Structures are given as structure tokens and as C-alpha cells.
Amino acid sequence: MKITFTHKKLENLVNDERKMLKEFGKIRAQKLRLRLTQLLDAESLEDVKFLPGNYHELKNERKGQWACDLDQPYRLIFTPHEDPIPTNADGQYIWIEIKGVEVIEIINYHKEG
């Protein structure tokens, strides 16, 4: 899959191993690199659905976004490139039709609000 980044600063950070280690620490940096590699190697979002990392759709105010686990409680948050996001007749997202993602942030969203 193709991966883009919402913010140039985040893109530069994940493409510089030393900066990533300094910003996130060894464990989170390793997990982040692994998740990005999983996404890059996938043909569609369906290919990562059942991999370790707990790839999942988000709900409520984050509907239309996906997350995967880094080191608990941190998540990698991304959205599909497809606009509108492909859905079936029941309104469920069709993971196999999502061929690219845009990374939004790395966050512990459980402490929001």
C-alpha cells in the first residue's frame, strides 16, 4: 500500500531512525517501524486486518479513522486515501478496497477529553 503523512514533520521523523529513537524510545520506534512495514507490504488494508497489531476501525468522533497498536497505550492513527471510503450496502467499510493510507498521528487517544 501507499503511505502518506498528514504532516511533513511526522514523515521526516519516521524516516530518520535516530530522530525516531530520540522522540519515541526504542520500543515504540521498533513497533512503529514494524507497523509501517506491514502497511507498506500490504496490497490492501484487508491484508493487515488479522496481523498482530490489532488493526481496527475507530468510532464516534474518530469514525473514518483506523488505529493499530504500538506500545500500550499508544496507537498509530491513519485514514484511507479513498474518498469516499468504500462501503457495502450495510454501511460497513470494505477493507479490501482500501489501497493506501495517510498517517495522521501517533497518540494515546484514550486520555483525550
N, C-alpha and C. Protein backbone atom coordinates (compact mmCIF):
# COMPACT_ATOMS: atom_id res chain seq x y z
N MET A 1 0.84 -1.18 0.00
CA MET A 1 0.00 0.00 0.00
C MET A 1 0.88 1.24 0.00
N LYS A 2 0.30 2.28 -0.49
CA LYS A 2 0.98 3.57 -0.44
C LYS A 2 0.68 4.22 0.91
N ILE A 3 1.71 4.82 1.50
CA ILE A 3 1.56 5.52 2.78
C ILE A 3 1.98 6.97 2.58
N THR A 4 1.11 7.88 3.01
CA THR A 4 1.45 9.30 3.04
C THR A 4 1.29 9.79 4.48
N PHE A 5 1.70 11.01 4.72
CA PHE A 5 1.64 11.58 6.06
C PHE A 5 0.94 12.93 6.01
N THR A 6 0.06 13.18 6.98
CA THR A 6 -0.64 14.45 7.07
C THR A 6 0.35 15.59 7.31
N HIS A 7 1.36 15.33 8.12
CA HIS A 7 2.32 16.36 8.49
C HIS A 7 3.72 15.97 8.05
N LYS A 8 4.40 16.91 7.40
CA LYS A 8 5.76 16.69 6.92
C LYS A 8 6.70 16.39 8.09
N LYS A 9 6.46 17.01 9.24
CA LYS A 9 7.30 16.78 10.42
C LYS A 9 7.26 15.31 10.84
N LEU A 10 6.07 14.71 10.83
CA LEU A 10 5.93 13.30 11.19
C LEU A 10 6.61 12.41 10.15
N GLU A 11 6.44 12.74 8.88
CA GLU A 11 7.08 11.98 7.81
C GLU A 11 8.61 12.01 7.96
N ASN A 12 9.15 13.18 8.21
CA ASN A 12 10.60 13.30 8.40
C ASN A 12 11.06 12.52 9.62
N LEU A 13 10.27 12.56 10.68
CA LEU A 13 10.61 11.85 11.91
C LEU A 13 10.70 10.35 11.69
N VAL A 14 9.71 9.77 11.04
CA VAL A 14 9.71 8.30 10.87
C VAL A 14 10.71 7.84 9.81
N ASN A 15 11.22 8.76 9.01
CA ASN A 15 12.23 8.41 8.02
C ASN A 15 13.66 8.66 8.51
N ASP A 16 13.80 9.04 9.77
CA ASP A 16 15.12 9.26 10.37
C ASP A 16 15.20 8.42 11.65
N GLU A 17 15.91 7.32 11.56
CA GLU A 17 15.98 6.37 12.67
C GLU A 17 16.44 7.01 13.98
N ARG A 18 17.44 7.86 13.91
CA ARG A 18 17.95 8.50 15.13
C ARG A 18 16.91 9.41 15.76
N LYS A 19 16.24 10.22 14.94
CA LYS A 19 15.20 11.12 15.47
C LYS A 19 14.04 10.32 16.06
N MET A 20 13.69 9.23 15.36
CA MET A 20 12.57 8.41 15.84
C MET A 20 12.91 7.78 17.20
N LEU A 21 14.11 7.26 17.35
CA LEU A 21 14.53 6.69 18.64
C LEU A 21 14.51 7.74 19.74
N LYS A 22 14.99 8.94 19.43
CA LYS A 22 15.02 10.02 20.42
C LYS A 22 13.61 10.44 20.82
N GLU A 23 12.71 10.56 19.84
CA GLU A 23 11.34 11.03 20.10
C GLU A 23 10.48 9.97 20.79
N PHE A 24 10.60 8.71 20.37
CA PHE A 24 9.66 7.67 20.83
C PHE A 24 10.26 6.63 21.74
N GLY A 25 11.57 6.54 21.81
CA GLY A 25 12.20 5.48 22.58
C GLY A 25 12.29 4.21 21.74
N LYS A 26 13.10 3.27 22.19
CA LYS A 26 13.41 2.07 21.41
C LYS A 26 12.18 1.21 21.11
N ILE A 27 11.37 0.94 22.09
CA ILE A 27 10.23 0.02 21.90
C ILE A 27 9.19 0.61 20.96
N ARG A 28 8.78 1.85 21.18
CA ARG A 28 7.77 2.47 20.33
C ARG A 28 8.30 2.66 18.91
N ALA A 29 9.56 3.03 18.78
CA ALA A 29 10.16 3.20 17.46
C ALA A 29 10.17 1.87 16.70
N GLN A 30 10.51 0.78 17.39
CA GLN A 30 10.51 -0.55 16.74
C GLN A 30 9.10 -0.94 16.30
N LYS A 31 8.13 -0.74 17.17
CA LYS A 31 6.74 -1.07 16.83
C LYS A 31 6.24 -0.22 15.66
N LEU A 32 6.58 1.05 15.67
CA LEU A 32 6.17 1.95 14.60
C LEU A 32 6.77 1.49 13.27
N ARG A 33 8.05 1.18 13.27
CA ARG A 33 8.70 0.70 12.05
C ARG A 33 8.02 -0.58 11.56
N LEU A 34 7.70 -1.50 12.47
CA LEU A 34 7.03 -2.75 12.11
C LEU A 34 5.66 -2.49 11.50
N ARG A 35 4.86 -1.62 12.12
CA ARG A 35 3.51 -1.34 11.61
C ARG A 35 3.58 -0.67 10.23
N LEU A 36 4.50 0.24 10.04
CA LEU A 36 4.64 0.89 8.73
C LEU A 36 5.07 -0.11 7.67
N THR A 37 5.95 -1.03 8.04
CA THR A 37 6.38 -2.07 7.10
C THR A 37 5.21 -2.99 6.75
N GLN A 38 4.40 -3.35 7.75
CA GLN A 38 3.22 -4.17 7.48
C GLN A 38 2.29 -3.48 6.49
N LEU A 39 2.06 -2.19 6.69
CA LEU A 39 1.19 -1.44 5.79
C LEU A 39 1.80 -1.33 4.39
N LEU A 40 3.08 -1.04 4.31
CA LEU A 40 3.75 -0.93 3.02
C LEU A 40 3.70 -2.24 2.23
N ASP A 41 3.86 -3.35 2.92
CA ASP A 41 3.89 -4.67 2.27
C ASP A 41 2.50 -5.16 1.85
N ALA A 42 1.46 -4.56 2.41
CA ALA A 42 0.09 -4.99 2.12
C ALA A 42 -0.38 -4.44 0.77
N GLU A 43 -1.22 -5.20 0.09
CA GLU A 43 -1.85 -4.70 -1.13
C GLU A 43 -3.09 -3.87 -0.80
N SER A 44 -3.77 -4.26 0.28
CA SER A 44 -4.95 -3.53 0.75
C SER A 44 -4.99 -3.60 2.27
N LEU A 45 -5.86 -2.82 2.87
CA LEU A 45 -5.99 -2.82 4.32
C LEU A 45 -6.43 -4.19 4.84
N GLU A 46 -7.14 -4.94 4.02
CA GLU A 46 -7.57 -6.29 4.39
C GLU A 46 -6.37 -7.18 4.75
N ASP A 47 -5.23 -6.95 4.11
CA ASP A 47 -4.04 -7.79 4.34
C ASP A 47 -3.46 -7.64 5.74
N VAL A 48 -3.76 -6.56 6.44
CA VAL A 48 -3.23 -6.37 7.79
C VAL A 48 -4.29 -6.61 8.87
N LYS A 49 -5.51 -6.84 8.45
CA LYS A 49 -6.64 -6.92 9.39
C LYS A 49 -6.42 -7.92 10.51
N PHE A 50 -5.79 -9.05 10.19
CA PHE A 50 -5.64 -10.10 11.20
C PHE A 50 -4.18 -10.29 11.64
N LEU A 51 -3.31 -9.36 11.26
CA LEU A 51 -1.93 -9.41 11.72
C LEU A 51 -1.84 -8.93 13.17
N PRO A 52 -0.78 -9.31 13.87
CA PRO A 52 -0.57 -8.72 15.19
C PRO A 52 -0.50 -7.20 15.03
N GLY A 53 -1.07 -6.50 15.97
CA GLY A 53 -1.10 -5.04 15.90
C GLY A 53 -2.50 -4.51 16.10
N ASN A 54 -3.49 -5.41 16.07
CA ASN A 54 -4.87 -5.02 16.36
C ASN A 54 -5.34 -3.85 15.49
N TYR A 55 -5.25 -4.02 14.18
CA TYR A 55 -5.76 -3.01 13.25
C TYR A 55 -7.27 -2.95 13.38
N HIS A 56 -7.80 -1.75 13.64
CA HIS A 56 -9.24 -1.64 13.85
C HIS A 56 -9.78 -0.27 13.47
N GLU A 57 -11.05 -0.27 13.13
CA GLU A 57 -11.76 0.98 12.82
C GLU A 57 -12.08 1.69 14.12
N LEU A 58 -12.03 3.00 14.06
CA LEU A 58 -12.40 3.79 15.23
C LEU A 58 -13.84 4.26 15.10
N LYS A 59 -14.39 4.71 16.20
CA LYS A 59 -15.82 5.08 16.24
C LYS A 59 -16.00 6.52 16.70
N ASN A 60 -17.27 6.89 16.75
CA ASN A 60 -17.69 8.21 17.26
C ASN A 60 -16.99 9.34 16.53
N GLU A 61 -16.33 10.25 17.26
CA GLU A 61 -15.72 11.41 16.62
C GLU A 61 -14.51 11.04 15.76
N ARG A 62 -14.04 9.81 15.88
CA ARG A 62 -12.92 9.33 15.06
C ARG A 62 -13.38 8.36 13.96
N LYS A 63 -14.67 8.30 13.69
CA LYS A 63 -15.17 7.44 12.63
C LYS A 63 -14.51 7.83 11.30
N GLY A 64 -14.11 6.81 10.53
CA GLY A 64 -13.39 7.06 9.29
C GLY A 64 -11.88 7.00 9.47
N GLN A 65 -11.46 6.79 10.71
CA GLN A 65 -10.05 6.61 11.02
C GLN A 65 -9.82 5.17 11.48
N TRP A 66 -8.60 4.71 11.32
CA TRP A 66 -8.19 3.39 11.80
C TRP A 66 -7.05 3.57 12.77
N ALA A 67 -6.81 2.55 13.60
CA ALA A 67 -5.69 2.56 14.53
C ALA A 67 -5.05 1.18 14.56
N CYS A 68 -3.79 1.15 14.95
CA CYS A 68 -3.12 -0.10 15.28
C CYS A 68 -2.24 0.17 16.49
N ASP A 69 -1.99 -0.89 17.23
CA ASP A 69 -1.24 -0.77 18.48
C ASP A 69 0.24 -0.54 18.23
N LEU A 70 0.81 0.31 19.05
CA LEU A 70 2.26 0.43 19.16
C LEU A 70 2.58 -0.15 20.54
N ASP A 71 3.24 0.59 21.41
CA ASP A 71 3.40 0.14 22.79
C ASP A 71 2.23 0.75 23.56
N GLN A 72 1.58 -0.06 24.37
CA GLN A 72 0.38 0.39 25.07
C GLN A 72 0.69 1.62 25.92
N PRO A 73 -0.17 2.62 25.90
CA PRO A 73 -1.46 2.74 25.24
C PRO A 73 -1.39 3.50 23.91
N TYR A 74 -0.22 3.59 23.29
CA TYR A 74 -0.07 4.39 22.08
C TYR A 74 -0.52 3.67 20.83
N ARG A 75 -1.08 4.45 19.91
CA ARG A 75 -1.61 3.93 18.65
C ARG A 75 -1.09 4.77 17.47
N LEU A 76 -0.98 4.10 16.33
CA LEU A 76 -0.73 4.75 15.06
C LEU A 76 -2.10 4.97 14.43
N ILE A 77 -2.44 6.22 14.12
CA ILE A 77 -3.76 6.58 13.59
C ILE A 77 -3.63 6.96 12.12
N PHE A 78 -4.52 6.42 11.29
CA PHE A 78 -4.47 6.72 9.86
C PHE A 78 -5.86 6.69 9.24
N THR A 79 -5.97 7.30 8.06
CA THR A 79 -7.21 7.31 7.29
C THR A 79 -6.92 6.76 5.90
N PRO A 80 -7.95 6.20 5.25
CA PRO A 80 -7.76 5.72 3.88
C PRO A 80 -7.58 6.87 2.90
N HIS A 81 -6.86 6.62 1.82
CA HIS A 81 -6.76 7.60 0.74
C HIS A 81 -8.09 7.72 0.00
N GLU A 82 -8.84 6.62 -0.06
CA GLU A 82 -10.09 6.61 -0.81
C GLU A 82 -11.10 7.58 -0.20
N ASP A 83 -11.69 8.39 -1.06
CA ASP A 83 -12.68 9.36 -0.61
C ASP A 83 -13.80 9.42 -1.65
N PRO A 84 -14.98 8.93 -1.31
CA PRO A 84 -15.37 8.42 -0.01
C PRO A 84 -14.78 7.04 0.26
N ILE A 85 -14.75 6.68 1.54
CA ILE A 85 -14.27 5.36 1.94
C ILE A 85 -15.27 4.32 1.41
N PRO A 86 -14.79 3.27 0.72
CA PRO A 86 -15.71 2.27 0.18
C PRO A 86 -16.51 1.57 1.27
N THR A 87 -17.83 1.47 1.05
CA THR A 87 -18.71 0.79 2.00
C THR A 87 -19.60 -0.19 1.26
N ASN A 88 -20.10 -1.17 1.99
CA ASN A 88 -21.06 -2.10 1.40
C ASN A 88 -22.49 -1.58 1.64
N ALA A 89 -23.48 -2.38 1.25
CA ALA A 89 -24.88 -1.96 1.35
C ALA A 89 -25.30 -1.71 2.80
N ASP A 90 -24.60 -2.34 3.76
CA ASP A 90 -24.92 -2.16 5.17
C ASP A 90 -24.14 -1.01 5.82
N GLY A 91 -23.34 -0.30 5.01
CA GLY A 91 -22.58 0.83 5.53
C GLY A 91 -21.25 0.45 6.17
N GLN A 92 -20.87 -0.83 6.08
CA GLN A 92 -19.59 -1.26 6.64
C GLN A 92 -18.47 -0.94 5.66
N TYR A 93 -17.33 -0.53 6.20
CA TYR A 93 -16.18 -0.25 5.35
C TYR A 93 -15.68 -1.53 4.70
N ILE A 94 -15.25 -1.42 3.44
CA ILE A 94 -14.72 -2.56 2.70
C ILE A 94 -13.20 -2.46 2.71
N TRP A 95 -12.58 -3.16 3.64
CA TRP A 95 -11.14 -3.07 3.86
C TRP A 95 -10.33 -3.43 2.61
N ILE A 96 -10.80 -4.41 1.84
CA ILE A 96 -10.05 -4.89 0.69
C ILE A 96 -9.96 -3.85 -0.43
N GLU A 97 -10.83 -2.86 -0.41
CA GLU A 97 -10.81 -1.81 -1.43
C GLU A 97 -9.98 -0.59 -1.03
N ILE A 98 -9.41 -0.64 0.16
CA ILE A 98 -8.57 0.46 0.64
C ILE A 98 -7.11 0.12 0.29
N LYS A 99 -6.54 0.91 -0.61
CA LYS A 99 -5.21 0.60 -1.18
C LYS A 99 -4.12 1.56 -0.74
N GLY A 100 -4.46 2.53 0.08
CA GLY A 100 -3.47 3.48 0.57
C GLY A 100 -3.98 4.18 1.82
N VAL A 101 -3.06 4.62 2.66
CA VAL A 101 -3.46 5.30 3.90
C VAL A 101 -2.61 6.53 4.13
N GLU A 102 -3.18 7.46 4.88
CA GLU A 102 -2.46 8.65 5.31
C GLU A 102 -2.32 8.61 6.83
N VAL A 103 -1.09 8.62 7.29
CA VAL A 103 -0.82 8.60 8.73
C VAL A 103 -1.11 9.99 9.29
N ILE A 104 -1.96 10.01 10.31
CA ILE A 104 -2.37 11.27 10.94
C ILE A 104 -1.52 11.60 12.16
N GLU A 105 -1.38 10.60 13.05
CA GLU A 105 -0.69 10.88 14.31
C GLU A 105 -0.34 9.60 15.04
N ILE A 106 0.49 9.77 16.04
CA ILE A 106 0.83 8.72 17.00
C ILE A 106 0.40 9.29 18.33
N ILE A 107 -0.53 8.60 18.99
CA ILE A 107 -1.17 9.22 20.16
C ILE A 107 -1.73 8.16 21.11
N ASN A 108 -1.90 8.56 22.35
CA ASN A 108 -2.69 7.82 23.32
C ASN A 108 -4.04 8.53 23.35
N TYR A 109 -4.97 8.11 22.48
CA TYR A 109 -6.25 8.83 22.38
C TYR A 109 -7.20 8.50 23.52
N HIS A 110 -6.87 7.54 24.35
CA HIS A 110 -7.74 7.21 25.48
C HIS A 110 -7.70 8.27 26.58
N LYS A 111 -6.67 9.12 26.56
CA LYS A 111 -6.61 10.18 27.57
C LYS A 111 -7.18 11.50 27.07
N GLU A 112 -7.75 11.49 25.82
CA GLU A 112 -8.38 12.70 25.29
C GLU A 112 -9.63 13.03 26.07
N GLY A 113 -10.00 14.31 26.02
CA GLY A 113 -11.27 14.73 26.58
C GLY A 113 -11.21 14.78 28.05
